[in-house]
């Protein structure tokens, strides 16, 4: 009974979109996370990468790594990235989602 079903998506990308009240610790929502998720979603669709057995982009609640963020996590691999702009998102899409290569410079360790 060790046979697990294949993942529904090759890459399931979760963008932390948590928002905290002013004065609390850092949050990804204050660092343009929603706009970057929308950008990634459109870019993945435009490249024909979206859909079952391929890639899904989702918003998540707090992933509890906001101090290192804004952040995303890619499953089923469990790879965590931080990003700052659309170029970083493009690099993650091109390297990780299309070529299955880790983007070392954006890794959260």
PDB file of N, CA and C in Angstrom:
ATOM      1  N   UNK A   1       0.812  -1.197   0.000  1.00  0.00           N
ATOM      2  CA  UNK A   1       0.000   0.000   0.000  1.00  0.00           C
ATOM      3  C   UNK A   1       0.855   1.261   0.000  1.00  0.00           C
ATOM      4  N   UNK A   2       2.045   1.209  -0.538  1.00  0.00           N
ATOM      5  CA  UNK A   2       2.897   2.381  -0.628  1.00  0.00           C
ATOM      6  C   UNK A   2       2.720   3.134  -1.930  1.00  0.00           C
ATOM      7  N   UNK A   3       1.838   2.657  -2.779  1.00  0.00           N
ATOM      8  CA  UNK A   3       1.636   3.315  -4.062  1.00  0.00           C
ATOM      9  C   UNK A   3       0.741   4.529  -3.900  1.00  0.00           C
ATOM     10  N   UNK A   4       1.334   5.690  -4.103  1.00  0.00           N
ATOM     11  CA  UNK A   4       0.571   6.933  -4.046  1.00  0.00           C
ATOM     12  C   UNK A   4       0.145   7.306  -5.450  1.00  0.00           C
ATOM     13  N   UNK A   5      -1.020   7.916  -5.582  1.00  0.00           N
ATOM     14  CA  UNK A   5      -1.423   8.350  -6.920  1.00  0.00           C
ATOM     15  C   UNK A   5      -0.509   9.469  -7.411  1.00  0.00           C
ATOM     16  N   UNK A   6      -0.420   9.586  -8.708  1.00  0.00           N
ATOM     17  CA  UNK A   6       0.373  10.674  -9.291  1.00  0.00           C
ATOM     18  C   UNK A   6      -0.265  12.001  -8.909  1.00  0.00           C
ATOM     19  N   UNK A   7       0.537  13.038  -8.728  1.00  0.00           N
ATOM     20  CA  UNK A   7      -0.030  14.352  -8.404  1.00  0.00           C
ATOM     21  C   UNK A   7      -0.954  14.824  -9.526  1.00  0.00           C
ATOM     22  N   UNK A   8      -1.992  15.561  -9.154  1.00  0.00           N
ATOM     23  CA  UNK A   8      -2.931  16.083 -10.143  1.00  0.00           C
ATOM     24  C   UNK A   8      -2.260  17.135 -11.009  1.00  0.00           C
ATOM     25  N   UNK A   9      -1.332  17.903 -10.419  1.00  0.00           N
ATOM     26  CA  UNK A   9      -0.572  18.914 -11.157  1.00  0.00           C
ATOM     27  C   UNK A   9       0.909  18.577 -11.086  1.00  0.00           C
ATOM     28  N   UNK A  10       1.623  18.827 -12.163  1.00  0.00           N
ATOM     29  CA  UNK A  10       3.078  18.682 -12.133  1.00  0.00           C
ATOM     30  C   UNK A  10       3.681  19.728 -11.203  1.00  0.00           C
ATOM     31  N   UNK A  11       3.065  20.929 -11.202  1.00  0.00           N
ATOM     32  CA  UNK A  11       3.511  22.022 -10.338  1.00  0.00           C
ATOM     33  C   UNK A  11       2.284  22.742  -9.807  1.00  0.00           C
ATOM     34  N   UNK A  12       2.142  22.781  -8.498  1.00  0.00           N
ATOM     35  CA  UNK A  12       1.056  23.525  -7.848  1.00  0.00           C
ATOM     36  C   UNK A  12       1.728  24.629  -7.047  1.00  0.00           C
ATOM     37  N   UNK A  13       1.560  25.863  -7.513  1.00  0.00           N
ATOM     38  CA  UNK A  13       2.281  27.013  -6.969  1.00  0.00           C
ATOM     39  C   UNK A  13       1.361  27.815  -6.058  1.00  0.00           C
ATOM     40  N   UNK A  14       1.775  27.989  -4.815  1.00  0.00           N
ATOM     41  CA  UNK A  14       1.005  28.761  -3.844  1.00  0.00           C
ATOM     42  C   UNK A  14       1.731  30.064  -3.528  1.00  0.00           C
ATOM     43  N   UNK A  15       1.035  31.170  -3.749  1.00  0.00           N
ATOM     44  CA  UNK A  15       1.543  32.496  -3.405  1.00  0.00           C
ATOM     45  C   UNK A  15       0.996  32.882  -2.047  1.00  0.00           C
ATOM     46  N   UNK A  16       1.868  33.188  -1.100  1.00  0.00           N
ATOM     47  CA  UNK A  16       1.404  33.705   0.183  1.00  0.00           C
ATOM     48  C   UNK A  16       0.715  35.035  -0.085  1.00  0.00           C
ATOM     49  N   UNK A  17      -0.511  35.154   0.386  1.00  0.00           N
ATOM     50  CA  UNK A  17      -1.264  36.383   0.185  1.00  0.00           C
ATOM     51  C   UNK A  17      -1.793  36.940   1.487  1.00  0.00           C
ATOM     52  N   UNK A  18      -1.172  36.533   2.575  1.00  0.00           N
ATOM     53  CA  UNK A  18      -1.657  36.945   3.888  1.00  0.00           C
ATOM     54  C   UNK A  18      -1.519  38.450   4.098  1.00  0.00           C
ATOM     55  N   UNK A  19      -2.532  39.017   4.736  1.00  0.00           N
ATOM     56  CA  UNK A  19      -2.517  40.439   5.087  1.00  0.00           C
ATOM     57  C   UNK A  19      -2.709  40.556   6.594  1.00  0.00           C
ATOM     58  N   UNK A  20      -1.818  41.321   7.231  1.00  0.00           N
ATOM     59  CA  UNK A  20      -1.907  41.562   8.675  1.00  0.00           C
ATOM     60  C   UNK A  20      -2.275  43.016   8.930  1.00  0.00           C
ATOM     61  N   UNK A  21      -2.833  43.275  10.090  1.00  0.00           N
ATOM     62  CA  UNK A  21      -3.131  44.671  10.449  1.00  0.00           C
ATOM     63  C   UNK A  21      -1.847  45.497  10.552  1.00  0.00           C
ATOM     64  N   UNK A  22      -1.958  46.804  10.337  1.00  0.00           N
ATOM     65  CA  UNK A  22      -0.784  47.678  10.477  1.00  0.00           C
ATOM     66  C   UNK A  22      -0.140  47.521  11.851  1.00  0.00           C
ATOM     67  N   UNK A  23       1.181  47.559  11.867  1.00  0.00           N
ATOM     68  CA  UNK A  23       1.912  47.462  13.126  1.00  0.00           C
ATOM     69  C   UNK A  23       2.302  46.051  13.509  1.00  0.00           C
ATOM     70  N   UNK A  24       1.748  45.048  12.827  1.00  0.00           N
ATOM     71  CA  UNK A  24       2.142  43.663  13.118  1.00  0.00           C
ATOM     72  C   UNK A  24       3.335  43.292  12.245  1.00  0.00           C
ATOM     73  N   UNK A  25       3.786  42.057  12.362  1.00  0.00           N
ATOM     74  CA  UNK A  25       4.964  41.642  11.596  1.00  0.00           C
ATOM     75  C   UNK A  25       4.704  41.711  10.089  1.00  0.00           C
ATOM     76  N   UNK A  26       5.764  41.602   9.329  1.00  0.00           N
ATOM     77  CA  UNK A  26       5.690  41.719   7.871  1.00  0.00           C
ATOM     78  C   UNK A  26       4.688  40.736   7.281  1.00  0.00           C
ATOM     79  N   UNK A  27       4.122  41.119   6.149  1.00  0.00           N
ATOM     80  CA  UNK A  27       3.237  40.195   5.440  1.00  0.00           C
ATOM     81  C   UNK A  27       3.457  40.335   3.940  1.00  0.00           C
ATOM     82  N   UNK A  28       3.244  39.246   3.232  1.00  0.00           N
ATOM     83  CA  UNK A  28       3.489  39.222   1.791  1.00  0.00           C
ATOM     84  C   UNK A  28       2.522  40.117   1.025  1.00  0.00           C
ATOM     85  N   UNK A  29       1.312  40.274   1.521  1.00  0.00           N
ATOM     86  CA  UNK A  29       0.338  41.118   0.827  1.00  0.00           C
ATOM     87  C   UNK A  29       0.833  42.551   0.700  1.00  0.00           C
ATOM     88  N   UNK A  30       1.608  43.010   1.660  1.00  0.00           N
ATOM     89  CA  UNK A  30       2.155  44.371   1.601  1.00  0.00           C
ATOM     90  C   UNK A  30       3.313  44.495   0.616  1.00  0.00           C
ATOM     91  N   UNK A  31       3.722  43.382   0.039  1.00  0.00           N
ATOM     92  CA  UNK A  31       4.865  43.377  -0.883  1.00  0.00           C
ATOM     93  C   UNK A  31       4.433  42.980  -2.291  1.00  0.00           C
ATOM     94  N   UNK A  32       3.207  43.356  -2.663  1.00  0.00           N
ATOM     95  CA  UNK A  32       2.704  43.182  -4.026  1.00  0.00           C
ATOM     96  C   UNK A  32       2.404  41.730  -4.400  1.00  0.00           C
ATOM     97  N   UNK A  33       2.122  40.878  -3.428  1.00  0.00           N
ATOM     98  CA  UNK A  33       1.905  39.460  -3.690  1.00  0.00           C
ATOM     99  C   UNK A  33       0.706  39.204  -4.596  1.00  0.00           C
ATOM    100  N   UNK A  34      -0.385  39.930  -4.406  1.00  0.00           N
ATOM    101  CA  UNK A  34      -1.580  39.678  -5.221  1.00  0.00           C
ATOM    102  C   UNK A  34      -1.320  39.986  -6.695  1.00  0.00           C
ATOM    103  N   UNK A  35      -0.686  41.106  -6.968  1.00  0.00           N
ATOM    104  CA  UNK A  35      -0.383  41.464  -8.356  1.00  0.00           C
ATOM    105  C   UNK A  35       0.583  40.462  -8.986  1.00  0.00           C
ATOM    106  N   UNK A  36       1.543  39.985  -8.216  1.00  0.00           N
ATOM    107  CA  UNK A  36       2.498  39.011  -8.749  1.00  0.00           C
ATOM    108  C   UNK A  36       1.829  37.664  -9.017  1.00  0.00           C
ATOM    109  N   UNK A  37       0.878  37.284  -8.156  1.00  0.00           N
ATOM    110  CA  UNK A  37       0.133  36.041  -8.406  1.00  0.00           C
ATOM    111  C   UNK A  37      -0.675  36.168  -9.686  1.00  0.00           C
ATOM    112  N   UNK A  38      -1.351  37.286  -9.860  1.00  0.00           N
ATOM    113  CA  UNK A  38      -2.136  37.505 -11.082  1.00  0.00           C
ATOM    114  C   UNK A  38      -1.236  37.475 -12.310  1.00  0.00           C
ATOM    115  N   UNK A  39      -0.080  38.099 -12.202  1.00  0.00           N
ATOM    116  CA  UNK A  39       0.879  38.093 -13.307  1.00  0.00           C
ATOM    117  C   UNK A  39       1.299  36.656 -13.631  1.00  0.00           C
ATOM    118  N   UNK A  40       1.661  35.881 -12.608  1.00  0.00           N
ATOM    119  CA  UNK A  40       2.097  34.498 -12.815  1.00  0.00           C
ATOM    120  C   UNK A  40       0.991  33.668 -13.453  1.00  0.00           C
ATOM    121  N   UNK A  41      -0.226  33.863 -12.985  1.00  0.00           N
ATOM    122  CA  UNK A  41      -1.365  33.111 -13.517  1.00  0.00           C
ATOM    123  C   UNK A  41      -1.547  33.397 -15.011  1.00  0.00           C
ATOM    124  N   UNK A  42      -1.507  34.661 -15.380  1.00  0.00           N
ATOM    125  CA  UNK A  42      -1.658  35.039 -16.795  1.00  0.00           C
ATOM    126  C   UNK A  42      -0.495  34.528 -17.631  1.00  0.00           C
ATOM    127  N   UNK A  43       0.693  34.619 -17.092  1.00  0.00           N
ATOM    128  CA  UNK A  43       1.886  34.177 -17.825  1.00  0.00           C
ATOM    129  C   UNK A  43       1.865  32.668 -18.052  1.00  0.00           C
ATOM    130  N   UNK A  44       1.501  31.906 -17.033  1.00  0.00           N
ATOM    131  CA  UNK A  44       1.422  30.449 -17.155  1.00  0.00           C
ATOM    132  C   UNK A  44       0.374  30.062 -18.202  1.00  0.00           C
ATOM    133  N   UNK A  45      -0.766  30.737 -18.190  1.00  0.00           N
ATOM    134  CA  UNK A  45      -1.799  30.465 -19.200  1.00  0.00           C
ATOM    135  C   UNK A  45      -1.307  30.820 -20.593  1.00  0.00           C
ATOM    136  N   UNK A  46      -0.665  31.978 -20.739  1.00  0.00           N
ATOM    137  CA  UNK A  46      -0.174  32.424 -22.046  1.00  0.00           C
ATOM    138  C   UNK A  46       0.856  31.454 -22.622  1.00  0.00           C
ATOM    139  N   UNK A  47       1.630  30.832 -21.761  1.00  0.00           N
ATOM    140  CA  UNK A  47       2.650  29.876 -22.199  1.00  0.00           C
ATOM    141  C   UNK A  47       2.088  28.472 -22.415  1.00  0.00           C
ATOM    142  N   UNK A  48       0.795  28.281 -22.157  1.00  0.00           N
ATOM    143  CA  UNK A  48       0.175  26.972 -22.335  1.00  0.00           C
ATOM    144  C   UNK A  48       0.557  25.969 -21.268  1.00  0.00           C
ATOM    145  N   UNK A  49       0.938  26.458 -20.099  1.00  0.00           N
ATOM    146  CA  UNK A  49       1.373  25.572 -19.013  1.00  0.00           C
ATOM    147  C   UNK A  49       0.276  25.257 -18.014  1.00  0.00           C
ATOM    148  N   UNK A  50      -0.866  25.925 -18.113  1.00  0.00           N
ATOM    149  CA  UNK A  50      -1.927  25.784 -17.107  1.00  0.00           C
ATOM    150  C   UNK A  50      -2.795  24.563 -17.379  1.00  0.00           C
ATOM    151  N   UNK A  51      -3.343  24.007 -16.309  1.00  0.00           N
ATOM    152  CA  UNK A  51      -4.325  22.945 -16.428  1.00  0.00           C
ATOM    153  C   UNK A  51      -3.910  21.666 -15.736  1.00  0.00           C
ATOM    154  N   UNK A  52      -4.859  20.733 -15.632  1.00  0.00           N
ATOM    155  CA  UNK A  52      -4.583  19.444 -15.001  1.00  0.00           C
ATOM    156  C   UNK A  52      -3.368  18.776 -15.643  1.00  0.00           C
ATOM    157  N   UNK A  53      -2.595  18.123 -14.830  1.00  0.00           N
ATOM    158  CA  UNK A  53      -1.331  17.455 -15.159  1.00  0.00           C
ATOM    159  C   UNK A  53      -0.215  18.444 -15.475  1.00  0.00           C
ATOM    160  N   UNK A  54      -0.508  19.751 -15.471  1.00  0.00           N
ATOM    161  CA  UNK A  54       0.514  20.747 -15.775  1.00  0.00           C
ATOM    162  C   UNK A  54       0.715  21.649 -14.569  1.00  0.00           C
ATOM    163  N   UNK A  55       0.279  22.902 -14.635  1.00  0.00           N
ATOM    164  CA  UNK A  55       0.562  23.871 -13.574  1.00  0.00           C
ATOM    165  C   UNK A  55      -0.707  24.559 -13.102  1.00  0.00           C
ATOM    166  N   UNK A  56      -0.776  24.812 -11.809  1.00  0.00           N
ATOM    167  CA  UNK A  56      -1.871  25.571 -11.197  1.00  0.00           C
ATOM    168  C   UNK A  56      -1.253  26.630 -10.297  1.00  0.00           C
ATOM    169  N   UNK A  57      -1.755  27.864 -10.405  1.00  0.00           N
ATOM    170  CA  UNK A  57      -1.315  28.978  -9.562  1.00  0.00           C
ATOM    171  C   UNK A  57      -2.444  29.300  -8.594  1.00  0.00           C
ATOM    172  N   UNK A  58      -2.167  29.308  -7.306  1.00  0.00           N
ATOM    173  CA  UNK A  58      -3.179  29.595  -6.285  1.00  0.00           C
ATOM    174  C   UNK A  58      -2.665  30.600  -5.266  1.00  0.00           C
ATOM    175  N   UNK A  59      -3.615  31.272  -4.625  1.00  0.00           N
ATOM    176  CA  UNK A  59      -3.294  32.115  -3.473  1.00  0.00           C
ATOM    177  C   UNK A  59      -3.434  31.267  -2.219  1.00  0.00           C
ATOM    178  N   UNK A  60      -2.545  31.479  -1.295  1.00  0.00           N
ATOM    179  CA  UNK A  60      -2.613  30.792  -0.005  1.00  0.00           C
ATOM    180  C   UNK A  60      -2.781  31.830   1.086  1.00  0.00           C
ATOM    181  N   UNK A  61      -3.188  31.366   2.232  1.00  0.00           N
ATOM    182  CA  UNK A  61      -3.147  32.203   3.419  1.00  0.00           C
ATOM    183  C   UNK A  61      -1.698  32.308   3.865  1.00  0.00           C
ATOM    184  N   UNK A  62      -1.491  32.567   5.105  1.00  0.00           N
ATOM    185  CA  UNK A  62      -0.136  32.745   5.617  1.00  0.00           C
ATOM    186  C   UNK A  62       0.665  31.448   5.485  1.00  0.00           C
ATOM    187  N   UNK A  63       1.821  31.551   4.861  1.00  0.00           N
ATOM    188  CA  UNK A  63       2.745  30.430   4.765  1.00  0.00           C
ATOM    189  C   UNK A  63       3.828  30.524   5.839  1.00  0.00           C
ATOM    190  N   UNK A  64       3.736  31.548   6.683  1.00  0.00           N
ATOM    191  CA  UNK A  64       4.583  31.756   7.860  1.00  0.00           C
ATOM    192  C   UNK A  64       6.067  31.917   7.538  1.00  0.00           C
ATOM    193  N   UNK A  65       6.348  32.471   6.362  1.00  0.00           N
ATOM    194  CA  UNK A  65       7.734  32.792   6.006  1.00  0.00           C
ATOM    195  C   UNK A  65       7.801  34.220   5.475  1.00  0.00           C
ATOM    196  N   UNK A  66       6.878  35.027   5.941  1.00  0.00           N
ATOM    197  CA  UNK A  66       6.716  36.378   5.399  1.00  0.00           C
ATOM    198  C   UNK A  66       7.950  37.252   5.573  1.00  0.00           C
ATOM    199  N   UNK A  67       8.722  37.040   6.625  1.00  0.00           N
ATOM    200  CA  UNK A  67       9.923  37.846   6.822  1.00  0.00           C
ATOM    201  C   UNK A  67      10.922  37.637   5.691  1.00  0.00           C
ATOM    202  N   UNK A  68      10.827  36.503   5.030  1.00  0.00           N
ATOM    203  CA  UNK A  68      11.718  36.202   3.909  1.00  0.00           C
ATOM    204  C   UNK A  68      11.048  36.500   2.581  1.00  0.00           C
ATOM    205  N   UNK A  69       9.821  36.939   2.610  1.00  0.00           N
ATOM    206  CA  UNK A  69       9.017  37.084   1.417  1.00  0.00           C
ATOM    207  C   UNK A  69       9.081  38.430   0.753  1.00  0.00           C
ATOM    208  N   UNK A  70       8.239  38.571  -0.243  1.00  0.00           N
ATOM    209  CA  UNK A  70       7.098  37.719  -0.527  1.00  0.00           C
ATOM    210  C   UNK A  70       7.572  36.347  -1.006  1.00  0.00           C
ATOM    211  N   UNK A  71       6.758  35.331  -0.724  1.00  0.00           N
ATOM    212  CA  UNK A  71       7.205  33.979  -1.006  1.00  0.00           C
ATOM    213  C   UNK A  71       6.142  33.150  -1.710  1.00  0.00           C
ATOM    214  N   UNK A  72       6.653  32.117  -2.379  1.00  0.00           N
ATOM    215  CA  UNK A  72       5.803  31.096  -2.979  1.00  0.00           C
ATOM    216  C   UNK A  72       6.388  29.742  -2.606  1.00  0.00           C
ATOM    217  N   UNK A  73       5.551  28.723  -2.701  1.00  0.00           N
ATOM    218  CA  UNK A  73       6.025  27.355  -2.550  1.00  0.00           C
ATOM    219  C   UNK A  73       5.459  26.557  -3.721  1.00  0.00           C
ATOM    220  N   UNK A  74       6.316  25.719  -4.308  1.00  0.00           N
ATOM    221  CA  UNK A  74       5.939  24.906  -5.459  1.00  0.00           C
ATOM    222  C   UNK A  74       5.855  23.454  -5.008  1.00  0.00           C
ATOM    223  N   UNK A  75       4.670  22.874  -5.139  1.00  0.00           N
ATOM    224  CA  UNK A  75       4.457  21.456  -4.836  1.00  0.00           C
ATOM    225  C   UNK A  75       4.236  20.701  -6.131  1.00  0.00           C
ATOM    226  N   UNK A  76       4.504  19.409  -6.173  1.00  0.00           N
ATOM    227  CA  UNK A  76       4.760  18.527  -5.044  1.00  0.00           C
ATOM    228  C   UNK A  76       6.211  18.530  -4.567  1.00  0.00           C
ATOM    229  N   UNK A  77       7.063  19.326  -5.202  1.00  0.00           N
ATOM    230  CA  UNK A  77       8.476  19.317  -4.818  1.00  0.00           C
ATOM    231  C   UNK A  77       8.742  19.963  -3.465  1.00  0.00           C
ATOM    232  N   UNK A  78       7.891  20.896  -3.045  1.00  0.00           N
ATOM    233  CA  UNK A  78       8.097  21.578  -1.772  1.00  0.00           C
ATOM    234  C   UNK A  78       9.242  22.576  -1.822  1.00  0.00           C
ATOM    235  N   UNK A  79       9.411  23.233  -2.954  1.00  0.00           N
ATOM    236  CA  UNK A  79      10.489  24.207  -3.137  1.00  0.00           C
ATOM    237  C   UNK A  79       9.954  25.600  -2.829  1.00  0.00           C
ATOM    238  N   UNK A  80      10.666  26.327  -1.969  1.00  0.00           N
ATOM    239  CA  UNK A  80      10.271  27.667  -1.530  1.00  0.00           C
ATOM    240  C   UNK A  80      11.126  28.717  -2.222  1.00  0.00           C
ATOM    241  N   UNK A  81      10.450  29.752  -2.728  1.00  0.00           N
ATOM    242  CA  UNK A  81      11.149  30.867  -3.371  1.00  0.00           C
ATOM    243  C   UNK A  81      10.682  32.189  -2.787  1.00  0.00           C
ATOM    244  N   UNK A  82      11.559  33.183  -2.872  1.00  0.00           N
ATOM    245  CA  UNK A  82      11.192  34.572  -2.638  1.00  0.00           C
ATOM    246  C   UNK A  82      11.325  35.261  -3.983  1.00  0.00           C
ATOM    247  N   UNK A  83      10.622  36.351  -4.168  1.00  0.00           N
ATOM    248  CA  UNK A  83      10.691  37.095  -5.424  1.00  0.00           C
ATOM    249  C   UNK A  83      10.530  38.570  -5.110  1.00  0.00           C
ATOM    250  N   UNK A  84      10.949  39.412  -6.044  1.00  0.00           N
ATOM    251  CA  UNK A  84      10.800  40.854  -5.868  1.00  0.00           C
ATOM    252  C   UNK A  84      10.020  41.505  -6.994  1.00  0.00           C
ATOM    253  N   UNK A  85      10.029  40.886  -8.184  1.00  0.00           N
ATOM    254  CA  UNK A  85       9.442  41.546  -9.344  1.00  0.00           C
ATOM    255  C   UNK A  85       9.023  40.524 -10.399  1.00  0.00           C
ATOM    256  N   UNK A  86       8.498  41.028 -11.520  1.00  0.00           N
ATOM    257  CA  UNK A  86       8.042  40.147 -12.591  1.00  0.00           C
ATOM    258  C   UNK A  86       9.192  39.347 -13.199  1.00  0.00           C
ATOM    259  N   UNK A  87      10.378  39.916 -13.229  1.00  0.00           N
ATOM    260  CA  UNK A  87      11.519  39.186 -13.776  1.00  0.00           C
ATOM    261  C   UNK A  87      11.826  37.941 -12.939  1.00  0.00           C
ATOM    262  N   UNK A  88      11.699  38.052 -11.622  1.00  0.00           N
ATOM    263  CA  UNK A  88      11.896  36.878 -10.762  1.00  0.00           C
ATOM    264  C   UNK A  88      10.822  35.828 -11.033  1.00  0.00           C
ATOM    265  N   UNK A  89       9.579  36.270 -11.183  1.00  0.00           N
ATOM    266  CA  UNK A  89       8.486  35.336 -11.488  1.00  0.00           C
ATOM    267  C   UNK A  89       8.745  34.657 -12.825  1.00  0.00           C
ATOM    268  N   UNK A  90       9.157  35.434 -13.834  1.00  0.00           N
ATOM    269  CA  UNK A  90       9.473  34.856 -15.145  1.00  0.00           C
ATOM    270  C   UNK A  90      10.572  33.805 -15.033  1.00  0.00           C
ATOM    271  N   UNK A  91      11.584  34.090 -14.233  1.00  0.00           N
ATOM    272  CA  UNK A  91      12.687  33.142 -14.065  1.00  0.00           C
ATOM    273  C   UNK A  91      12.207  31.849 -13.408  1.00  0.00           C
ATOM    274  N   UNK A  92      11.349  31.956 -12.416  1.00  0.00           N
ATOM    275  CA  UNK A  92      10.794  30.758 -11.769  1.00  0.00           C
ATOM    276  C   UNK A  92       9.959  29.962 -12.767  1.00  0.00           C
ATOM    277  N   UNK A  93       9.147  30.650 -13.546  1.00  0.00           N
ATOM    278  CA  UNK A  93       8.323  29.959 -14.551  1.00  0.00           C
ATOM    279  C   UNK A  93       9.211  29.267 -15.579  1.00  0.00           C
ATOM    280  N   UNK A  94      10.167  30.002 -16.132  1.00  0.00           N
ATOM    281  CA  UNK A  94      11.011  29.449 -17.194  1.00  0.00           C
ATOM    282  C   UNK A  94      11.917  28.330 -16.695  1.00  0.00           C
ATOM    283  N   UNK A  95      12.537  28.531 -15.544  1.00  0.00           N
ATOM    284  CA  UNK A  95      13.490  27.540 -15.053  1.00  0.00           C
ATOM    285  C   UNK A  95      12.811  26.368 -14.337  1.00  0.00           C
ATOM    286  N   UNK A  96      11.988  26.673 -13.343  1.00  0.00           N
ATOM    287  CA  UNK A  96      11.401  25.598 -12.528  1.00  0.00           C
ATOM    288  C   UNK A  96      10.213  24.932 -13.231  1.00  0.00           C
ATOM    289  N   UNK A  97       9.243  25.732 -13.661  1.00  0.00           N
ATOM    290  CA  UNK A  97       8.016  25.145 -14.201  1.00  0.00           C
ATOM    291  C   UNK A  97       8.198  24.563 -15.597  1.00  0.00           C
ATOM    292  N   UNK A  98       9.048  25.171 -16.408  1.00  0.00           N
ATOM    293  CA  UNK A  98       9.242  24.658 -17.764  1.00  0.00           C
ATOM    294  C   UNK A  98      10.401  23.675 -17.872  1.00  0.00           C
ATOM    295  N   UNK A  99      11.469  23.907 -17.136  1.00  0.00           N
ATOM    296  CA  UNK A  99      12.671  23.085 -17.305  1.00  0.00           C
ATOM    297  C   UNK A  99      12.995  22.205 -16.099  1.00  0.00           C
ATOM    298  N   UNK A 100      12.161  22.281 -15.063  1.00  0.00           N
ATOM    299  CA  UNK A 100      12.381  21.487 -13.846  1.00  0.00           C
ATOM    300  C   UNK A 100      13.760  21.721 -13.239  1.00  0.00           C
ATOM    301  N   UNK A 101      14.209  22.971 -13.291  1.00  0.00           N
ATOM    302  CA  UNK A 101      15.487  23.349 -12.693  1.00  0.00           C
ATOM    303  C   UNK A 101      15.230  24.340 -11.564  1.00  0.00           C
ATOM    304  N   UNK A 102      15.879  24.119 -10.439  1.00  0.00           N
ATOM    305  CA  UNK A 102      15.737  24.990  -9.274  1.00  0.00           C
ATOM    306  C   UNK A 102      16.409  26.330  -9.559  1.00  0.00           C
ATOM    307  N   UNK A 103      15.753  27.413  -9.164  1.00  0.00           N
ATOM    308  CA  UNK A 103      16.325  28.753  -9.297  1.00  0.00           C
ATOM    309  C   UNK A 103      17.047  29.048  -7.980  1.00  0.00           C
ATOM    310  N   UNK A 104      18.301  28.698  -7.923  1.00  0.00           N
ATOM    311  CA  UNK A 104      19.084  28.767  -6.688  1.00  0.00           C
ATOM    312  C   UNK A 104      19.073  30.153  -6.053  1.00  0.00           C
ATOM    313  N   UNK A 105      19.207  31.197  -6.852  1.00  0.00           N
ATOM    314  CA  UNK A 105      19.340  32.550  -6.297  1.00  0.00           C
ATOM    315  C   UNK A 105      18.069  33.033  -5.604  1.00  0.00           C
ATOM    316  N   UNK A 106      16.928  32.404  -5.875  1.00  0.00           N
ATOM    317  CA  UNK A 106      15.664  32.818  -5.261  1.00  0.00           C
ATOM    318  C   UNK A 106      15.183  31.853  -4.180  1.00  0.00           C
ATOM    319  N   UNK A 107      15.942  30.793  -3.929  1.00  0.00           N
ATOM    320  CA  UNK A 107      15.538  29.796  -2.928  1.00  0.00           C
ATOM    321  C   UNK A 107      15.470  30.388  -1.528  1.00  0.00           C
ATOM    322  N   UNK A 108      14.470  29.964  -0.792  1.00  0.00           N
ATOM    323  CA  UNK A 108      14.409  30.226   0.646  1.00  0.00           C
ATOM    324  C   UNK A 108      14.875  28.941   1.318  1.00  0.00           C
ATOM    325  N   UNK A 109      15.902  29.053   2.125  1.00  0.00           N
ATOM    326  CA  UNK A 109      16.448  27.848   2.793  1.00  0.00           C
ATOM    327  C   UNK A 109      16.139  27.891   4.261  1.00  0.00           C
TER     328      UNK A 109
END
